[in-house]
């Protein structure tokens, strides 16, 4: 039997795939430009944005679960 936390995790991954797929389907040109921009961005900036996004996600999860 799977735990509720694991089921929630899989739901979150599924939502991520849906949103990403919708972005690619709705505007492939914009997504291509965004990927080129990410390739040109320095590693330290991408790392800071990634850490900031992870912290924002954890805070959001904390508020929802509270």
PDB file of N, CA and C in Angstrom:
ATOM      1  N   UNK A   1       0.836  -1.185   0.000  1.00  0.00           N
ATOM      2  CA  UNK A   1       0.000   0.000   0.000  1.00  0.00           C
ATOM      3  C   UNK A   1       0.880   1.246   0.000  1.00  0.00           C
ATOM      4  N   UNK A   2       0.554   2.183  -0.868  1.00  0.00           N
ATOM      5  CA  UNK A   2       1.320   3.423  -0.944  1.00  0.00           C
ATOM      6  C   UNK A   2       0.860   4.384   0.139  1.00  0.00           C
ATOM      7  N   UNK A   3       1.798   5.205   0.569  1.00  0.00           N
ATOM      8  CA  UNK A   3       1.435   6.200   1.572  1.00  0.00           C
ATOM      9  C   UNK A   3       0.749   7.384   0.914  1.00  0.00           C
ATOM     10  N   UNK A   4       0.055   8.161   1.727  1.00  0.00           N
ATOM     11  CA  UNK A   4      -0.625   9.352   1.220  1.00  0.00           C
ATOM     12  C   UNK A   4       0.400  10.345   0.696  1.00  0.00           C
ATOM     13  N   UNK A   5       1.528  10.470   1.386  1.00  0.00           N
ATOM     14  CA  UNK A   5       2.570  11.408   0.962  1.00  0.00           C
ATOM     15  C   UNK A   5       3.094  11.033  -0.423  1.00  0.00           C
ATOM     16  N   UNK A   6       3.275   9.753  -0.687  1.00  0.00           N
ATOM     17  CA  UNK A   6       3.769   9.326  -1.992  1.00  0.00           C
ATOM     18  C   UNK A   6       2.723   9.591  -3.071  1.00  0.00           C
ATOM     19  N   UNK A   7       1.462   9.355  -2.756  1.00  0.00           N
ATOM     20  CA  UNK A   7       0.387   9.637  -3.710  1.00  0.00           C
ATOM     21  C   UNK A   7       0.342  11.132  -4.018  1.00  0.00           C
ATOM     22  N   UNK A   8       0.489  11.971  -2.991  1.00  0.00           N
ATOM     23  CA  UNK A   8       0.527  13.417  -3.210  1.00  0.00           C
ATOM     24  C   UNK A   8       1.712  13.809  -4.078  1.00  0.00           C
ATOM     25  N   UNK A   9       2.849  13.178  -3.857  1.00  0.00           N
ATOM     26  CA  UNK A   9       4.034  13.446  -4.665  1.00  0.00           C
ATOM     27  C   UNK A   9       3.775  13.106  -6.130  1.00  0.00           C
ATOM     28  N   UNK A  10       3.178  11.963  -6.389  1.00  0.00           N
ATOM     29  CA  UNK A  10       2.884  11.566  -7.765  1.00  0.00           C
ATOM     30  C   UNK A  10       1.866  12.505  -8.412  1.00  0.00           C
ATOM     31  N   UNK A  11       0.906  12.969  -7.642  1.00  0.00           N
ATOM     32  CA  UNK A  11      -0.050  13.942  -8.165  1.00  0.00           C
ATOM     33  C   UNK A  11       0.676  15.231  -8.539  1.00  0.00           C
ATOM     34  N   UNK A  12       1.596  15.665  -7.692  1.00  0.00           N
ATOM     35  CA  UNK A  12       2.378  16.867  -7.981  1.00  0.00           C
ATOM     36  C   UNK A  12       3.211  16.724  -9.242  1.00  0.00           C
ATOM     37  N   UNK A  13       3.837  15.580  -9.423  1.00  0.00           N
ATOM     38  CA  UNK A  13       4.625  15.333 -10.636  1.00  0.00           C
ATOM     39  C   UNK A  13       3.705  15.328 -11.858  1.00  0.00           C
ATOM     40  N   UNK A  14       2.541  14.735 -11.721  1.00  0.00           N
ATOM     41  CA  UNK A  14       1.578  14.727 -12.823  1.00  0.00           C
ATOM     42  C   UNK A  14       1.137  16.130 -13.204  1.00  0.00           C
ATOM     43  N   UNK A  15       0.868  16.962 -12.213  1.00  0.00           N
ATOM     44  CA  UNK A  15       0.485  18.356 -12.485  1.00  0.00           C
ATOM     45  C   UNK A  15       1.620  19.095 -13.168  1.00  0.00           C
ATOM     46  N   UNK A  16       2.855  18.844 -12.735  1.00  0.00           N
ATOM     47  CA  UNK A  16       4.019  19.452 -13.377  1.00  0.00           C
ATOM     48  C   UNK A  16       4.072  19.090 -14.854  1.00  0.00           C
ATOM     49  N   UNK A  17       3.881  17.824 -15.176  1.00  0.00           N
ATOM     50  CA  UNK A  17       3.899  17.381 -16.578  1.00  0.00           C
ATOM     51  C   UNK A  17       2.775  18.034 -17.382  1.00  0.00           C
ATOM     52  N   UNK A  18       1.592  18.143 -16.783  1.00  0.00           N
ATOM     53  CA  UNK A  18       0.462  18.766 -17.478  1.00  0.00           C
ATOM     54  C   UNK A  18       0.777  20.222 -17.791  1.00  0.00           C
ATOM     55  N   UNK A  19       1.252  20.967 -16.804  1.00  0.00           N
ATOM     56  CA  UNK A  19       1.550  22.383 -17.014  1.00  0.00           C
ATOM     57  C   UNK A  19       2.662  22.580 -18.040  1.00  0.00           C
ATOM     58  N   UNK A  20       3.706  21.781 -17.943  1.00  0.00           N
ATOM     59  CA  UNK A  20       4.797  21.885 -18.910  1.00  0.00           C
ATOM     60  C   UNK A  20       4.311  21.535 -20.315  1.00  0.00           C
ATOM     61  N   UNK A  21       3.526  20.509 -20.420  1.00  0.00           N
ATOM     62  CA  UNK A  21       2.994  20.124 -21.722  1.00  0.00           C
ATOM     63  C   UNK A  21       2.109  21.202 -22.320  1.00  0.00           C
ATOM     64  N   UNK A  22       1.296  21.828 -21.481  1.00  0.00           N
ATOM     65  CA  UNK A  22       0.436  22.915 -21.968  1.00  0.00           C
ATOM     66  C   UNK A  22       1.266  24.105 -22.452  1.00  0.00           C
ATOM     67  N   UNK A  23       2.337  24.428 -21.740  1.00  0.00           N
ATOM     68  CA  UNK A  23       3.204  25.532 -22.174  1.00  0.00           C
ATOM     69  C   UNK A  23       3.829  25.235 -23.533  1.00  0.00           C
ATOM     70  N   UNK A  24       4.338  24.026 -23.715  1.00  0.00           N
ATOM     71  CA  UNK A  24       4.938  23.655 -25.003  1.00  0.00           C
ATOM     72  C   UNK A  24       3.888  23.636 -26.112  1.00  0.00           C
ATOM     73  N   UNK A  25       2.690  23.171 -25.805  1.00  0.00           N
ATOM     74  CA  UNK A  25       1.641  23.102 -26.823  1.00  0.00           C
ATOM     75  C   UNK A  25       1.117  24.489 -27.183  1.00  0.00           C
ATOM     76  N   UNK A  26       0.988  25.353 -26.186  1.00  0.00           N
ATOM     77  CA  UNK A  26       0.420  26.672 -26.426  1.00  0.00           C
ATOM     78  C   UNK A  26       1.387  27.614 -27.132  1.00  0.00           C
ATOM     79  N   UNK A  27       2.665  27.518 -26.795  1.00  0.00           N
ATOM     80  CA  UNK A  27       3.622  28.463 -27.361  1.00  0.00           C
ATOM     81  C   UNK A  27       5.007  27.841 -27.498  1.00  0.00           C
ATOM     82  N   UNK A  28       5.196  27.001 -28.503  1.00  0.00           N
ATOM     83  CA  UNK A  28       6.499  26.361 -28.668  1.00  0.00           C
ATOM     84  C   UNK A  28       7.616  27.370 -28.961  1.00  0.00           C
ATOM     85  N   UNK A  29       7.287  28.455 -29.655  1.00  0.00           N
ATOM     86  CA  UNK A  29       8.314  29.460 -29.964  1.00  0.00           C
ATOM     87  C   UNK A  29       8.800  30.126 -28.676  1.00  0.00           C
ATOM     88  N   UNK A  30       7.875  30.488 -27.797  1.00  0.00           N
ATOM     89  CA  UNK A  30       8.253  31.110 -26.535  1.00  0.00           C
ATOM     90  C   UNK A  30       9.075  30.152 -25.678  1.00  0.00           C
ATOM     91  N   UNK A  31       8.687  28.885 -25.648  1.00  0.00           N
ATOM     92  CA  UNK A  31       9.433  27.895 -24.854  1.00  0.00           C
ATOM     93  C   UNK A  31      10.838  27.705 -25.414  1.00  0.00           C
ATOM     94  N   UNK A  32      10.977  27.701 -26.733  1.00  0.00           N
ATOM     95  CA  UNK A  32      12.293  27.574 -27.351  1.00  0.00           C
ATOM     96  C   UNK A  32      13.175  28.768 -26.961  1.00  0.00           C
ATOM     97  N   UNK A  33      12.578  29.978 -26.999  1.00  0.00           N
ATOM     98  CA  UNK A  33      13.320  31.177 -26.599  1.00  0.00           C
ATOM     99  C   UNK A  33      13.714  31.115 -25.124  1.00  0.00           C
ATOM    100  N   UNK A  34      12.820  30.627 -24.286  1.00  0.00           N
ATOM    101  CA  UNK A  34      13.099  30.513 -22.854  1.00  0.00           C
ATOM    102  C   UNK A  34      14.250  29.539 -22.606  1.00  0.00           C
ATOM    103  N   UNK A  35      14.270  28.431 -23.343  1.00  0.00           N
ATOM    104  CA  UNK A  35      15.361  27.462 -23.181  1.00  0.00           C
ATOM    105  C   UNK A  35      16.691  28.042 -23.650  1.00  0.00           C
ATOM    106  N   UNK A  36      16.681  28.798 -24.751  1.00  0.00           N
ATOM    107  CA  UNK A  36      17.907  29.449 -25.219  1.00  0.00           C
ATOM    108  C   UNK A  36      18.390  30.455 -24.190  1.00  0.00           C
ATOM    109  N   UNK A  37      17.473  31.181 -23.592  1.00  0.00           N
ATOM    110  CA  UNK A  37      17.829  32.154 -22.563  1.00  0.00           C
ATOM    111  C   UNK A  37      18.437  31.450 -21.350  1.00  0.00           C
ATOM    112  N   UNK A  38      17.875  30.317 -20.964  1.00  0.00           N
ATOM    113  CA  UNK A  38      18.413  29.559 -19.831  1.00  0.00           C
ATOM    114  C   UNK A  38      19.822  29.070 -20.126  1.00  0.00           C
ATOM    115  N   UNK A  39      20.078  28.662 -21.368  1.00  0.00           N
ATOM    116  CA  UNK A  39      21.420  28.209 -21.739  1.00  0.00           C
ATOM    117  C   UNK A  39      22.444  29.340 -21.640  1.00  0.00           C
ATOM    118  N   UNK A  40      21.998  30.569 -21.875  1.00  0.00           N
ATOM    119  CA  UNK A  40      22.908  31.713 -21.843  1.00  0.00           C
ATOM    120  C   UNK A  40      23.056  32.302 -20.439  1.00  0.00           C
ATOM    121  N   UNK A  41      22.238  31.872 -19.494  1.00  0.00           N
ATOM    122  CA  UNK A  41      22.268  32.413 -18.131  1.00  0.00           C
ATOM    123  C   UNK A  41      23.377  31.731 -17.333  1.00  0.00           C
ATOM    124  N   UNK A  42      24.149  32.518 -16.573  1.00  0.00           N
ATOM    125  CA  UNK A  42      25.226  31.923 -15.756  1.00  0.00           C
ATOM    126  C   UNK A  42      24.688  30.921 -14.727  1.00  0.00           C
ATOM    127  N   UNK A  43      25.524  29.944 -14.387  1.00  0.00           N
ATOM    128  CA  UNK A  43      25.127  28.886 -13.455  1.00  0.00           C
ATOM    129  C   UNK A  43      24.679  29.429 -12.106  1.00  0.00           C
ATOM    130  N   UNK A  44      25.378  30.440 -11.589  1.00  0.00           N
ATOM    131  CA  UNK A  44      25.022  30.943 -10.255  1.00  0.00           C
ATOM    132  C   UNK A  44      23.624  31.569 -10.247  1.00  0.00           C
ATOM    133  N   UNK A  45      23.221  32.195 -11.334  1.00  0.00           N
ATOM    134  CA  UNK A  45      21.870  32.770 -11.416  1.00  0.00           C
ATOM    135  C   UNK A  45      20.834  31.648 -11.468  1.00  0.00           C
ATOM    136  N   UNK A  46      21.083  30.643 -12.310  1.00  0.00           N
ATOM    137  CA  UNK A  46      20.146  29.511 -12.395  1.00  0.00           C
ATOM    138  C   UNK A  46      20.037  28.798 -11.053  1.00  0.00           C
ATOM    139  N   UNK A  47      21.163  28.652 -10.365  1.00  0.00           N
ATOM    140  CA  UNK A  47      21.168  27.986  -9.061  1.00  0.00           C
ATOM    141  C   UNK A  47      20.335  28.794  -8.058  1.00  0.00           C
ATOM    142  N   UNK A  48      20.517  30.113  -8.045  1.00  0.00           N
ATOM    143  CA  UNK A  48      19.763  30.973  -7.120  1.00  0.00           C
ATOM    144  C   UNK A  48      18.270  30.915  -7.420  1.00  0.00           C
ATOM    145  N   UNK A  49      17.902  30.947  -8.685  1.00  0.00           N
ATOM    146  CA  UNK A  49      16.488  30.855  -9.060  1.00  0.00           C
ATOM    147  C   UNK A  49      15.925  29.491  -8.654  1.00  0.00           C
ATOM    148  N   UNK A  50      16.697  28.437  -8.854  1.00  0.00           N
ATOM    149  CA  UNK A  50      16.249  27.096  -8.468  1.00  0.00           C
ATOM    150  C   UNK A  50      16.041  26.961  -6.974  1.00  0.00           C
ATOM    151  N   UNK A  51      16.976  27.487  -6.189  1.00  0.00           N
ATOM    152  CA  UNK A  51      16.846  27.435  -4.724  1.00  0.00           C
ATOM    153  C   UNK A  51      15.654  28.271  -4.279  1.00  0.00           C
ATOM    154  N   UNK A  52      15.493  29.444  -4.877  1.00  0.00           N
ATOM    155  CA  UNK A  52      14.345  30.299  -4.538  1.00  0.00           C
ATOM    156  C   UNK A  52      13.025  29.624  -4.860  1.00  0.00           C
ATOM    157  N   UNK A  53      12.956  28.967  -6.010  1.00  0.00           N
ATOM    158  CA  UNK A  53      11.733  28.251  -6.397  1.00  0.00           C
ATOM    159  C   UNK A  53      11.450  27.091  -5.449  1.00  0.00           C
ATOM    160  N   UNK A  54      12.492  26.364  -5.060  1.00  0.00           N
ATOM    161  CA  UNK A  54      12.313  25.242  -4.136  1.00  0.00           C
ATOM    162  C   UNK A  54      11.803  25.733  -2.784  1.00  0.00           C
ATOM    163  N   UNK A  55      12.360  26.835  -2.296  1.00  0.00           N
ATOM    164  CA  UNK A  55      11.921  27.382  -1.013  1.00  0.00           C
ATOM    165  C   UNK A  55      10.477  27.870  -1.111  1.00  0.00           C
ATOM    166  N   UNK A  56      10.148  28.558  -2.207  1.00  0.00           N
ATOM    167  CA  UNK A  56       8.772  29.024  -2.401  1.00  0.00           C
ATOM    168  C   UNK A  56       7.802  27.842  -2.451  1.00  0.00           C
ATOM    169  N   UNK A  57       8.199  26.763  -3.118  1.00  0.00           N
ATOM    170  CA  UNK A  57       7.357  25.572  -3.182  1.00  0.00           C
ATOM    171  C   UNK A  57       7.163  24.934  -1.820  1.00  0.00           C
ATOM    172  N   UNK A  58       8.222  24.856  -1.037  1.00  0.00           N
ATOM    173  CA  UNK A  58       8.106  24.291   0.312  1.00  0.00           C
ATOM    174  C   UNK A  58       7.203  25.141   1.197  1.00  0.00           C
ATOM    175  N   UNK A  59       7.321  26.457   1.085  1.00  0.00           N
ATOM    176  CA  UNK A  59       6.460  27.344   1.866  1.00  0.00           C
ATOM    177  C   UNK A  59       5.000  27.161   1.451  1.00  0.00           C
ATOM    178  N   UNK A  60       4.756  27.066   0.147  1.00  0.00           N
ATOM    179  CA  UNK A  60       3.394  26.845  -0.344  1.00  0.00           C
ATOM    180  C   UNK A  60       2.829  25.532   0.183  1.00  0.00           C
ATOM    181  N   UNK A  61       3.615  24.476   0.114  1.00  0.00           N
ATOM    182  CA  UNK A  61       3.169  23.173   0.625  1.00  0.00           C
ATOM    183  C   UNK A  61       2.887  23.260   2.118  1.00  0.00           C
ATOM    184  N   UNK A  62       3.759  23.944   2.853  1.00  0.00           N
ATOM    185  CA  UNK A  62       3.580  24.090   4.286  1.00  0.00           C
ATOM    186  C   UNK A  62       2.267  24.792   4.607  1.00  0.00           C
ATOM    187  N   UNK A  63       1.965  25.903   3.864  1.00  0.00           N
ATOM    188  CA  UNK A  63       0.719  26.629   4.095  1.00  0.00           C
ATOM    189  C   UNK A  63      -0.499  25.776   3.769  1.00  0.00           C
ATOM    190  N   UNK A  64      -0.433  25.031   2.685  1.00  0.00           N
ATOM    191  CA  UNK A  64      -1.581  24.199   2.289  1.00  0.00           C
ATOM    192  C   UNK A  64      -1.804  23.075   3.278  1.00  0.00           C
ATOM    193  N   UNK A  65      -0.728  22.472   3.771  1.00  0.00           N
ATOM    194  CA  UNK A  65      -0.832  21.325   4.678  1.00  0.00           C
ATOM    195  C   UNK A  65      -1.171  21.724   6.106  1.00  0.00           C
ATOM    196  N   UNK A  66      -0.991  22.979   6.440  1.00  0.00           N
ATOM    197  CA  UNK A  66      -1.203  23.456   7.797  1.00  0.00           C
ATOM    198  C   UNK A  66      -2.639  23.446   8.211  1.00  0.00           C
TER     199      UNK A  66
END
